[in-house]
């Protein structure tokens, strides 16, 4: 389920800091307008504070729509025509923007997760060379020299070796790249 305990705690902390603003803005968003009382109750907002912000939001909401209606005047039929004509395009554009935003956030989260776990898996090249039995400054022969394989043998299938790179990694590949396709 999407609503975990951690996410609920985070939402409650956010509402605790910004609850008044959320109540006022929620008056302008369909769905939130009806649910903001429930959300305020779950978050433990005092009812007098909720009443004040909800009344402010209602006054702004009514004032906005009355003002727009007054300014539209006799042109309300034309405005309604264009709103209904282009509403599908606006809805599609909004959906595309929302999907792009969600994809961007997911990509950022995955990169952050990969960076934090990738840092744990990789080691300094000096330590990697020592673990492979290569002395600092010594060029490897490219042979697989792990236990069970003698130097000069061909590496097992799936192992790719190349000369050491300036970073000391064989074939320019890091430990975390061992499943990445070979681009050489």
C-alpha atoms as a PDB file:
ATOM      1  CA  UNK A   1       0.000   0.000   0.000  1.00  0.00           C
ATOM      2  CA  UNK A   2       1.203   3.529  -0.703  1.00  0.00           C
ATOM      3  CA  UNK A   3       0.359   4.869   2.761  1.00  0.00           C
ATOM      4  CA  UNK A   4       3.045   3.606   5.105  1.00  0.00           C
ATOM      5  CA  UNK A   5       3.589   4.592   8.709  1.00  0.00           C
ATOM      6  CA  UNK A   6       6.650   6.619   7.721  1.00  0.00           C
ATOM      7  CA  UNK A   7       4.713   8.538   5.060  1.00  0.00           C
ATOM      8  CA  UNK A   8       1.843   9.201   7.473  1.00  0.00           C
ATOM      9  CA  UNK A   9       4.299  10.530  10.077  1.00  0.00           C
ATOM     10  CA  UNK A  10       5.916  12.743   7.444  1.00  0.00           C
ATOM     11  CA  UNK A  11       2.524  14.091   6.356  1.00  0.00           C
ATOM     12  CA  UNK A  12       1.588  14.825   9.968  1.00  0.00           C
ATOM     13  CA  UNK A  13       4.859  16.715  10.525  1.00  0.00           C
ATOM     14  CA  UNK A  14       4.280  18.697   7.319  1.00  0.00           C
ATOM     15  CA  UNK A  15       0.710  19.473   8.332  1.00  0.00           C
ATOM     16  CA  UNK A  16       1.897  20.494  11.795  1.00  0.00           C
ATOM     17  CA  UNK A  17       4.249  23.067  10.256  1.00  0.00           C
ATOM     18  CA  UNK A  18       2.073  24.248   7.352  1.00  0.00           C
ATOM     19  CA  UNK A  19      -1.454  23.216   8.365  1.00  0.00           C
ATOM     20  CA  UNK A  20      -2.990  26.685   8.164  1.00  0.00           C
ATOM     21  CA  UNK A  21      -1.679  27.266   4.640  1.00  0.00           C
ATOM     22  CA  UNK A  22      -2.833  23.797   3.591  1.00  0.00           C
ATOM     23  CA  UNK A  23      -6.368  24.489   4.857  1.00  0.00           C
ATOM     24  CA  UNK A  24      -6.566  27.812   2.976  1.00  0.00           C
ATOM     25  CA  UNK A  25      -5.146  26.395  -0.294  1.00  0.00           C
ATOM     26  CA  UNK A  26      -7.269  23.229  -0.018  1.00  0.00           C
ATOM     27  CA  UNK A  27     -10.395  25.359  -0.508  1.00  0.00           C
ATOM     28  CA  UNK A  28      -9.275  25.858  -4.137  1.00  0.00           C
ATOM     29  CA  UNK A  29      -8.595  22.175  -4.880  1.00  0.00           C
ATOM     30  CA  UNK A  30     -11.484  19.820  -5.555  1.00  0.00           C
ATOM     31  CA  UNK A  31     -11.306  16.800  -3.254  1.00  0.00           C
ATOM     32  CA  UNK A  32      -9.066  18.507  -0.710  1.00  0.00           C
ATOM     33  CA  UNK A  33     -11.812  21.043  -0.017  1.00  0.00           C
ATOM     34  CA  UNK A  34     -13.972  18.212   1.295  1.00  0.00           C
ATOM     35  CA  UNK A  35     -11.180  16.257   3.011  1.00  0.00           C
ATOM     36  CA  UNK A  36      -9.313  19.077   4.733  1.00  0.00           C
ATOM     37  CA  UNK A  37     -11.407  18.766   7.916  1.00  0.00           C
ATOM     38  CA  UNK A  38     -10.653  15.053   8.144  1.00  0.00           C
ATOM     39  CA  UNK A  39      -6.945  15.668   7.538  1.00  0.00           C
ATOM     40  CA  UNK A  40      -6.896  18.422  10.169  1.00  0.00           C
ATOM     41  CA  UNK A  41      -8.600  16.110  12.665  1.00  0.00           C
ATOM     42  CA  UNK A  42      -6.159  13.256  12.028  1.00  0.00           C
ATOM     43  CA  UNK A  43      -3.232  15.661  12.418  1.00  0.00           C
ATOM     44  CA  UNK A  44      -4.645  16.946  15.707  1.00  0.00           C
ATOM     45  CA  UNK A  45      -5.195  20.560  14.647  1.00  0.00           C
ATOM     46  CA  UNK A  46      -7.140  22.538  17.260  1.00  0.00           C
ATOM     47  CA  UNK A  47     -10.676  23.165  16.034  1.00  0.00           C
ATOM     48  CA  UNK A  48     -10.539  26.928  16.624  1.00  0.00           C
ATOM     49  CA  UNK A  49      -7.392  27.211  14.488  1.00  0.00           C
ATOM     50  CA  UNK A  50      -9.028  25.057  11.805  1.00  0.00           C
ATOM     51  CA  UNK A  51     -12.157  27.215  11.915  1.00  0.00           C
ATOM     52  CA  UNK A  52     -10.136  30.419  11.443  1.00  0.00           C
ATOM     53  CA  UNK A  53      -8.103  29.112   8.485  1.00  0.00           C
ATOM     54  CA  UNK A  54     -11.096  27.398   6.900  1.00  0.00           C
ATOM     55  CA  UNK A  55     -13.140  30.633   7.123  1.00  0.00           C
ATOM     56  CA  UNK A  56     -10.236  32.564   5.562  1.00  0.00           C
ATOM     57  CA  UNK A  57      -9.978  30.010   2.767  1.00  0.00           C
ATOM     58  CA  UNK A  58     -13.740  30.117   2.164  1.00  0.00           C
ATOM     59  CA  UNK A  59     -13.742  33.930   2.008  1.00  0.00           C
ATOM     60  CA  UNK A  60     -10.850  33.917  -0.478  1.00  0.00           C
ATOM     61  CA  UNK A  61     -12.497  31.188  -2.561  1.00  0.00           C
ATOM     62  CA  UNK A  62     -15.834  32.986  -2.755  1.00  0.00           C
ATOM     63  CA  UNK A  63     -14.117  36.335  -3.360  1.00  0.00           C
ATOM     64  CA  UNK A  64     -12.045  34.895  -6.190  1.00  0.00           C
ATOM     65  CA  UNK A  65     -15.010  33.377  -8.021  1.00  0.00           C
ATOM     66  CA  UNK A  66     -17.269  36.386  -7.506  1.00  0.00           C
ATOM     67  CA  UNK A  67     -14.521  38.690  -8.782  1.00  0.00           C
ATOM     68  CA  UNK A  68     -13.889  36.520 -11.832  1.00  0.00           C
ATOM     69  CA  UNK A  69     -17.619  36.410 -12.550  1.00  0.00           C
ATOM     70  CA  UNK A  70     -17.897  40.186 -12.220  1.00  0.00           C
ATOM     71  CA  UNK A  71     -14.871  40.804 -14.457  1.00  0.00           C
ATOM     72  CA  UNK A  72     -16.158  38.357 -17.060  1.00  0.00           C
ATOM     73  CA  UNK A  73     -19.458  40.218 -17.162  1.00  0.00           C
ATOM     74  CA  UNK A  74     -21.383  39.688 -20.372  1.00  0.00           C
ATOM     75  CA  UNK A  75     -18.514  37.674 -21.869  1.00  0.00           C
ATOM     76  CA  UNK A  76     -19.126  34.664 -19.643  1.00  0.00           C
ATOM     77  CA  UNK A  77     -20.623  32.667 -22.559  1.00  0.00           C
ATOM     78  CA  UNK A  78     -17.524  33.248 -24.717  1.00  0.00           C
ATOM     79  CA  UNK A  79     -15.188  32.453 -21.831  1.00  0.00           C
ATOM     80  CA  UNK A  80     -17.113  29.255 -21.055  1.00  0.00           C
ATOM     81  CA  UNK A  81     -16.918  28.252 -24.748  1.00  0.00           C
ATOM     82  CA  UNK A  82     -13.117  28.600 -24.820  1.00  0.00           C
ATOM     83  CA  UNK A  83     -12.644  26.947 -21.444  1.00  0.00           C
ATOM     84  CA  UNK A  84     -14.623  23.884 -22.518  1.00  0.00           C
ATOM     85  CA  UNK A  85     -12.938  23.871 -25.939  1.00  0.00           C
ATOM     86  CA  UNK A  86      -9.392  23.850 -24.560  1.00  0.00           C
ATOM     87  CA  UNK A  87      -9.971  22.077 -21.249  1.00  0.00           C
ATOM     88  CA  UNK A  88      -8.997  18.686 -22.692  1.00  0.00           C
ATOM     89  CA  UNK A  89      -5.710  20.089 -23.973  1.00  0.00           C
ATOM     90  CA  UNK A  90      -5.027  21.657 -20.595  1.00  0.00           C
ATOM     91  CA  UNK A  91      -5.901  18.381 -18.872  1.00  0.00           C
ATOM     92  CA  UNK A  92      -3.561  16.414 -21.159  1.00  0.00           C
ATOM     93  CA  UNK A  93      -0.767  18.969 -20.660  1.00  0.00           C
ATOM     94  CA  UNK A  94      -1.271  18.813 -16.893  1.00  0.00           C
ATOM     95  CA  UNK A  95      -1.191  15.001 -16.939  1.00  0.00           C
ATOM     96  CA  UNK A  96       2.024  14.997 -19.005  1.00  0.00           C
ATOM     97  CA  UNK A  97       3.632  17.510 -16.642  1.00  0.00           C
ATOM     98  CA  UNK A  98       2.567  15.469 -13.626  1.00  0.00           C
ATOM     99  CA  UNK A  99       3.964  12.259 -15.130  1.00  0.00           C
ATOM    100  CA  UNK A 100       7.244  14.022 -16.001  1.00  0.00           C
ATOM    101  CA  UNK A 101       7.505  15.330 -12.445  1.00  0.00           C
ATOM    102  CA  UNK A 102       6.849  11.881 -10.961  1.00  0.00           C
ATOM    103  CA  UNK A 103       9.426  10.301 -13.305  1.00  0.00           C
ATOM    104  CA  UNK A 104      11.969  12.964 -12.357  1.00  0.00           C
ATOM    105  CA  UNK A 105      11.399  12.362  -8.636  1.00  0.00           C
ATOM    106  CA  UNK A 106      11.668   8.576  -9.031  1.00  0.00           C
ATOM    107  CA  UNK A 107      14.871   8.939 -11.044  1.00  0.00           C
ATOM    108  CA  UNK A 108      16.371  11.219  -8.394  1.00  0.00           C
ATOM    109  CA  UNK A 109      15.419   8.748  -5.666  1.00  0.00           C
ATOM    110  CA  UNK A 110      16.933   5.799  -7.543  1.00  0.00           C
ATOM    111  CA  UNK A 111      20.149   7.716  -8.235  1.00  0.00           C
ATOM    112  CA  UNK A 112      20.418   8.686  -4.579  1.00  0.00           C
ATOM    113  CA  UNK A 113      19.826   5.087  -3.507  1.00  0.00           C
ATOM    114  CA  UNK A 114      22.322   3.778  -6.066  1.00  0.00           C
ATOM    115  CA  UNK A 115      24.905   6.338  -4.989  1.00  0.00           C
ATOM    116  CA  UNK A 116      24.547   5.440  -1.325  1.00  0.00           C
ATOM    117  CA  UNK A 117      24.718   1.663  -1.935  1.00  0.00           C
ATOM    118  CA  UNK A 118      27.342   2.007  -4.688  1.00  0.00           C
ATOM    119  CA  UNK A 119      29.680   3.832  -2.321  1.00  0.00           C
ATOM    120  CA  UNK A 120      29.511   0.876   0.047  1.00  0.00           C
ATOM    121  CA  UNK A 121      30.348  -1.663  -2.676  1.00  0.00           C
ATOM    122  CA  UNK A 122      33.300   0.098  -4.276  1.00  0.00           C
ATOM    123  CA  UNK A 123      36.677   0.505  -2.719  1.00  0.00           C
ATOM    124  CA  UNK A 124      39.711   2.658  -3.271  1.00  0.00           C
ATOM    125  CA  UNK A 125      41.663   1.393  -6.288  1.00  0.00           C
ATOM    126  CA  UNK A 126      44.757   0.887  -4.118  1.00  0.00           C
ATOM    127  CA  UNK A 127      42.839  -1.569  -1.917  1.00  0.00           C
ATOM    128  CA  UNK A 128      41.384  -3.317  -4.970  1.00  0.00           C
ATOM    129  CA  UNK A 129      44.867  -3.807  -6.419  1.00  0.00           C
ATOM    130  CA  UNK A 130      46.131  -5.146  -3.117  1.00  0.00           C
ATOM    131  CA  UNK A 131      43.195  -7.529  -2.876  1.00  0.00           C
ATOM    132  CA  UNK A 132      43.954  -8.785  -6.392  1.00  0.00           C
ATOM    133  CA  UNK A 133      47.595  -9.379  -5.457  1.00  0.00           C
ATOM    134  CA  UNK A 134      48.960  -6.664  -7.736  1.00  0.00           C
ATOM    135  CA  UNK A 135      51.696  -4.553  -6.224  1.00  0.00           C
ATOM    136  CA  UNK A 136      51.364  -0.776  -6.606  1.00  0.00           C
ATOM    137  CA  UNK A 137      52.880   0.322  -9.923  1.00  0.00           C
ATOM    138  CA  UNK A 138      52.892  -3.243 -11.306  1.00  0.00           C
ATOM    139  CA  UNK A 139      50.994  -3.742 -14.531  1.00  0.00           C
ATOM    140  CA  UNK A 140      48.713  -6.721 -14.486  1.00  0.00           C
ATOM    141  CA  UNK A 141      48.996  -9.313 -17.244  1.00  0.00           C
ATOM    142  CA  UNK A 142      45.259  -9.389 -17.698  1.00  0.00           C
ATOM    143  CA  UNK A 143      45.170 -13.004 -16.557  1.00  0.00           C
ATOM    144  CA  UNK A 144      42.787 -14.146 -13.913  1.00  0.00           C
ATOM    145  CA  UNK A 145      44.859 -14.618 -10.770  1.00  0.00           C
ATOM    146  CA  UNK A 146      42.212 -15.513  -8.242  1.00  0.00           C
ATOM    147  CA  UNK A 147      42.497 -18.683  -6.156  1.00  0.00           C
ATOM    148  CA  UNK A 148      41.792 -21.741  -8.260  1.00  0.00           C
ATOM    149  CA  UNK A 149      43.051 -20.113 -11.469  1.00  0.00           C
ATOM    150  CA  UNK A 150      46.704 -19.971 -12.325  1.00  0.00           C
ATOM    151  CA  UNK A 151      48.249 -16.875 -13.869  1.00  0.00           C
ATOM    152  CA  UNK A 152      48.294 -17.173 -17.638  1.00  0.00           C
ATOM    153  CA  UNK A 153      45.049 -19.159 -17.807  1.00  0.00           C
ATOM    154  CA  UNK A 154      42.140 -17.796 -19.774  1.00  0.00           C
ATOM    155  CA  UNK A 155      39.555 -16.205 -17.520  1.00  0.00           C
ATOM    156  CA  UNK A 156      36.305 -18.054 -16.912  1.00  0.00           C
ATOM    157  CA  UNK A 157      33.341 -17.254 -19.144  1.00  0.00           C
ATOM    158  CA  UNK A 158      31.727 -13.953 -18.239  1.00  0.00           C
ATOM    159  CA  UNK A 159      34.955 -12.440 -16.879  1.00  0.00           C
ATOM    160  CA  UNK A 160      36.364  -9.589 -18.893  1.00  0.00           C
ATOM    161  CA  UNK A 161      39.867  -8.368 -18.440  1.00  0.00           C
ATOM    162  CA  UNK A 162      41.820  -5.582 -19.955  1.00  0.00           C
ATOM    163  CA  UNK A 163      44.932  -3.688 -19.064  1.00  0.00           C
ATOM    164  CA  UNK A 164      44.797  -1.547 -15.981  1.00  0.00           C
ATOM    165  CA  UNK A 165      43.566   1.987 -16.447  1.00  0.00           C
ATOM    166  CA  UNK A 166      45.045   5.037 -14.758  1.00  0.00           C
ATOM    167  CA  UNK A 167      42.613   4.456 -11.881  1.00  0.00           C
ATOM    168  CA  UNK A 168      43.967   0.925 -11.425  1.00  0.00           C
ATOM    169  CA  UNK A 169      40.728  -0.806 -12.421  1.00  0.00           C
ATOM    170  CA  UNK A 170      41.011  -3.587 -14.938  1.00  0.00           C
ATOM    171  CA  UNK A 171      39.368  -2.633 -18.201  1.00  0.00           C
ATOM    172  CA  UNK A 172      38.159   0.638 -16.654  1.00  0.00           C
ATOM    173  CA  UNK A 173      35.355  -1.162 -14.838  1.00  0.00           C
ATOM    174  CA  UNK A 174      34.374  -0.781 -11.221  1.00  0.00           C
ATOM    175  CA  UNK A 175      33.016  -3.490  -8.956  1.00  0.00           C
ATOM    176  CA  UNK A 176      29.507  -2.058  -9.252  1.00  0.00           C
ATOM    177  CA  UNK A 177      29.718  -2.256 -13.075  1.00  0.00           C
ATOM    178  CA  UNK A 178      30.358  -5.989 -13.241  1.00  0.00           C
ATOM    179  CA  UNK A 179      26.939  -6.620 -14.795  1.00  0.00           C
ATOM    180  CA  UNK A 180      27.033  -3.637 -17.131  1.00  0.00           C
ATOM    181  CA  UNK A 181      27.350  -4.414 -20.860  1.00  0.00           C
ATOM    182  CA  UNK A 182      30.845  -4.176 -22.295  1.00  0.00           C
ATOM    183  CA  UNK A 183      31.191  -0.987 -24.308  1.00  0.00           C
ATOM    184  CA  UNK A 184      34.807  -1.482 -25.394  1.00  0.00           C
END
